[in-house]
Amino acid sequence: MLREITTLTKDGNRGIFDQLYATAHDKYGMADQVGWKNIHDARVGVDLKLATKWAFTSRYDAWWLADPHDALYNASSGVVARNSSGTAGRFVGQELDSVIAYTHSMYLQISGGFGHIFPGTFLNHATSGQSYNFPYVSSTFVF
């Protein structure tokens, strides 16, 4: 699936997508380092039911800046990196996420996952180019 969310113009108007909801968590990866502004995203994933109570999910995202003169924004609309000259390239990078979940009962689910960001041309030129790891454990209680 390819998504484009930008409306940048050269006439001095801001014209960029503003996030309408409180969180953009897991819209462009679990690590939440890439948000809805100025981005093209390609995503593919798989959901597997391993056993009655076990499930596995894996997602792959690849990102490109819609306008290389604008910034890369995170899930909370903060600027991650900017290269206003547009010379850092468009390819932001890739993220690979994996989650395993155990359904203990109809009221409790426990899961853990890991996300890794592989920096692309833009992150390598506009930042120090460090990869990013995001391990986590969560529980969901339904009442």
Protein backbone atom coordinates (compact mmCIF):
# COMPACT_ATOMS: atom_id res chain seq x y z
CA MET A 1 0.00 0.00 0.00
CA LEU A 2 1.43 3.40 -0.95
CA ARG A 3 0.32 6.42 1.03
CA GLU A 4 1.00 10.07 0.28
CA ILE A 5 0.03 12.69 2.80
CA THR A 6 1.33 16.10 1.83
CA THR A 7 0.09 19.26 0.17
CA LEU A 8 3.23 21.42 0.13
CA THR A 9 3.10 24.43 -2.16
CA LYS A 10 5.71 26.91 -3.38
CA ASP A 11 3.50 29.99 -2.97
CA GLY A 12 4.36 30.60 0.69
CA ASN A 13 1.37 28.71 2.10
CA ARG A 14 2.09 26.08 4.72
CA GLY A 15 -0.16 23.49 3.06
CA ILE A 16 1.02 20.42 4.98
CA PHE A 17 -1.12 17.70 6.53
CA ASP A 18 -1.97 18.28 10.20
CA GLN A 19 -2.70 15.25 12.29
CA LEU A 20 -6.30 15.35 13.50
CA TYR A 21 -6.18 12.65 16.17
CA ALA A 22 -4.19 12.39 19.38
CA THR A 23 -1.80 9.66 18.26
CA ALA A 24 -0.37 8.29 15.07
CA HIS A 25 1.07 5.24 16.81
CA ASP A 26 1.86 2.39 14.41
CA LYS A 27 0.64 4.19 11.31
CA TYR A 28 4.18 4.16 9.87
CA GLY A 29 5.90 1.67 12.17
CA MET A 30 5.87 0.73 15.84
CA ALA A 31 8.87 2.91 16.75
CA ASP A 32 6.83 6.08 16.00
CA GLN A 33 9.83 7.86 14.50
CA VAL A 34 7.97 8.69 11.26
CA GLY A 35 4.71 10.63 11.22
CA TRP A 36 1.99 11.60 8.76
CA LYS A 37 3.60 14.81 7.45
CA ASN A 38 5.68 15.02 4.27
CA ILE A 39 5.99 11.28 3.79
CA HIS A 40 5.39 8.50 1.29
CA ASP A 41 5.08 5.06 2.89
CA ALA A 42 5.10 1.57 1.44
CA ARG A 43 4.01 -1.14 3.90
CA VAL A 44 3.65 -4.88 3.76
CA GLY A 45 2.88 -7.24 6.60
CA VAL A 46 1.78 -10.64 7.72
CA ASP A 47 -0.45 -11.80 10.59
CA LEU A 48 -0.19 -15.44 11.64
CA LYS A 49 -2.23 -17.45 14.12
CA LEU A 50 0.47 -19.77 15.53
CA ALA A 51 -1.79 -21.67 17.94
CA THR A 52 -5.08 -21.16 19.74
CA LYS A 53 -3.66 -18.52 22.09
CA TRP A 54 -0.59 -17.35 20.15
CA ALA A 55 -0.35 -14.82 17.30
CA PHE A 56 2.57 -13.32 15.38
CA THR A 57 2.62 -10.08 13.39
CA SER A 58 5.40 -8.68 11.25
CA ARG A 59 5.43 -5.41 9.31
CA TYR A 60 7.88 -3.75 6.93
CA ASP A 61 7.74 -0.03 6.12
CA ALA A 62 9.85 1.99 3.68
CA TRP A 63 9.66 5.80 3.64
CA TRP A 64 10.46 8.61 1.22
CA LEU A 65 10.09 12.35 1.79
CA ALA A 66 7.37 13.90 -0.35
CA ASP A 67 9.33 17.17 -0.47
CA PRO A 68 13.09 16.90 0.22
CA HIS A 69 13.18 20.61 1.21
CA ASP A 70 10.83 19.99 4.14
CA ALA A 71 11.50 18.03 7.34
CA LEU A 72 11.00 14.48 8.50
CA TYR A 73 8.34 14.52 11.24
CA ASN A 74 7.71 11.93 13.96
CA ALA A 75 4.35 10.52 15.07
CA SER A 76 3.68 13.49 17.36
CA SER A 77 4.43 15.98 14.52
CA GLY A 78 7.82 16.99 15.92
CA VAL A 79 10.73 17.58 13.55
CA VAL A 80 13.19 14.67 13.51
CA ALA A 81 15.54 16.09 10.88
CA ARG A 82 15.53 18.83 8.25
CA ASN A 83 17.66 19.61 5.21
CA SER A 84 16.10 22.71 3.71
CA SER A 85 18.51 22.68 0.74
CA GLY A 86 17.01 19.33 -0.36
CA THR A 87 20.44 17.76 -0.93
CA ALA A 88 20.15 14.97 1.67
CA GLY A 89 18.01 12.79 -0.62
CA ARG A 90 14.43 11.55 -0.38
CA PHE A 91 14.84 7.99 0.94
CA VAL A 92 14.34 8.18 4.72
CA GLY A 93 14.83 4.51 5.54
CA GLN A 94 13.06 1.29 6.47
CA GLU A 95 11.54 -0.27 9.58
CA LEU A 96 11.00 -3.93 10.39
CA ASP A 97 8.64 -4.76 13.27
CA SER A 98 7.73 -8.10 14.86
CA VAL A 99 5.17 -8.76 17.60
CA ILE A 100 4.23 -11.96 19.38
CA ALA A 101 1.04 -12.02 21.45
CA TYR A 102 -0.38 -14.48 23.94
CA THR A 103 -4.09 -14.40 24.82
CA HIS A 104 -4.28 -15.59 28.41
CA SER A 105 -8.03 -15.16 28.66
CA MET A 106 -10.78 -13.06 27.13
CA TYR A 107 -9.74 -10.34 29.57
CA LEU A 108 -5.93 -10.40 29.31
CA GLN A 109 -3.48 -10.35 26.40
CA ILE A 110 0.30 -10.10 26.81
CA SER A 111 2.59 -9.19 23.93
CA GLY A 112 6.14 -8.25 23.18
CA GLY A 113 7.83 -6.91 20.14
CA PHE A 114 10.84 -5.39 18.52
CA GLY A 115 11.20 -2.70 15.90
CA HIS A 116 14.37 -1.73 14.04
CA ILE A 117 14.90 1.29 11.80
CA PHE A 118 17.49 1.05 9.05
CA PRO A 119 18.49 4.61 8.10
CA GLY A 120 18.33 5.59 4.44
CA THR A 121 20.05 8.29 2.42
CA PHE A 122 18.17 11.18 4.07
CA LEU A 123 18.87 10.06 7.66
CA ASN A 124 22.50 9.29 6.83
CA HIS A 125 23.03 12.83 5.51
CA ALA A 126 20.73 14.89 7.76
CA THR A 127 21.57 13.10 11.06
CA SER A 128 24.35 10.93 12.43
CA GLY A 129 22.77 7.99 10.59
CA GLN A 130 22.33 5.79 13.64
CA SER A 131 19.91 2.88 13.42
CA TYR A 132 17.16 2.78 16.04
CA ASN A 133 15.87 -0.16 18.11
CA PHE A 134 12.50 -0.26 19.84
CA PRO A 135 11.91 -3.29 22.13
CA TYR A 136 8.72 -3.40 24.18
CA VAL A 137 6.39 -5.52 26.30
CA SER A 138 2.71 -4.70 26.79
CA SER A 139 -0.43 -6.06 28.32
CA THR A 140 -4.04 -5.40 27.45
CA PHE A 141 -6.74 -5.83 30.04
CA VAL A 142 -10.34 -5.77 28.83
CA PHE A 143 -13.11 -5.08 31.32
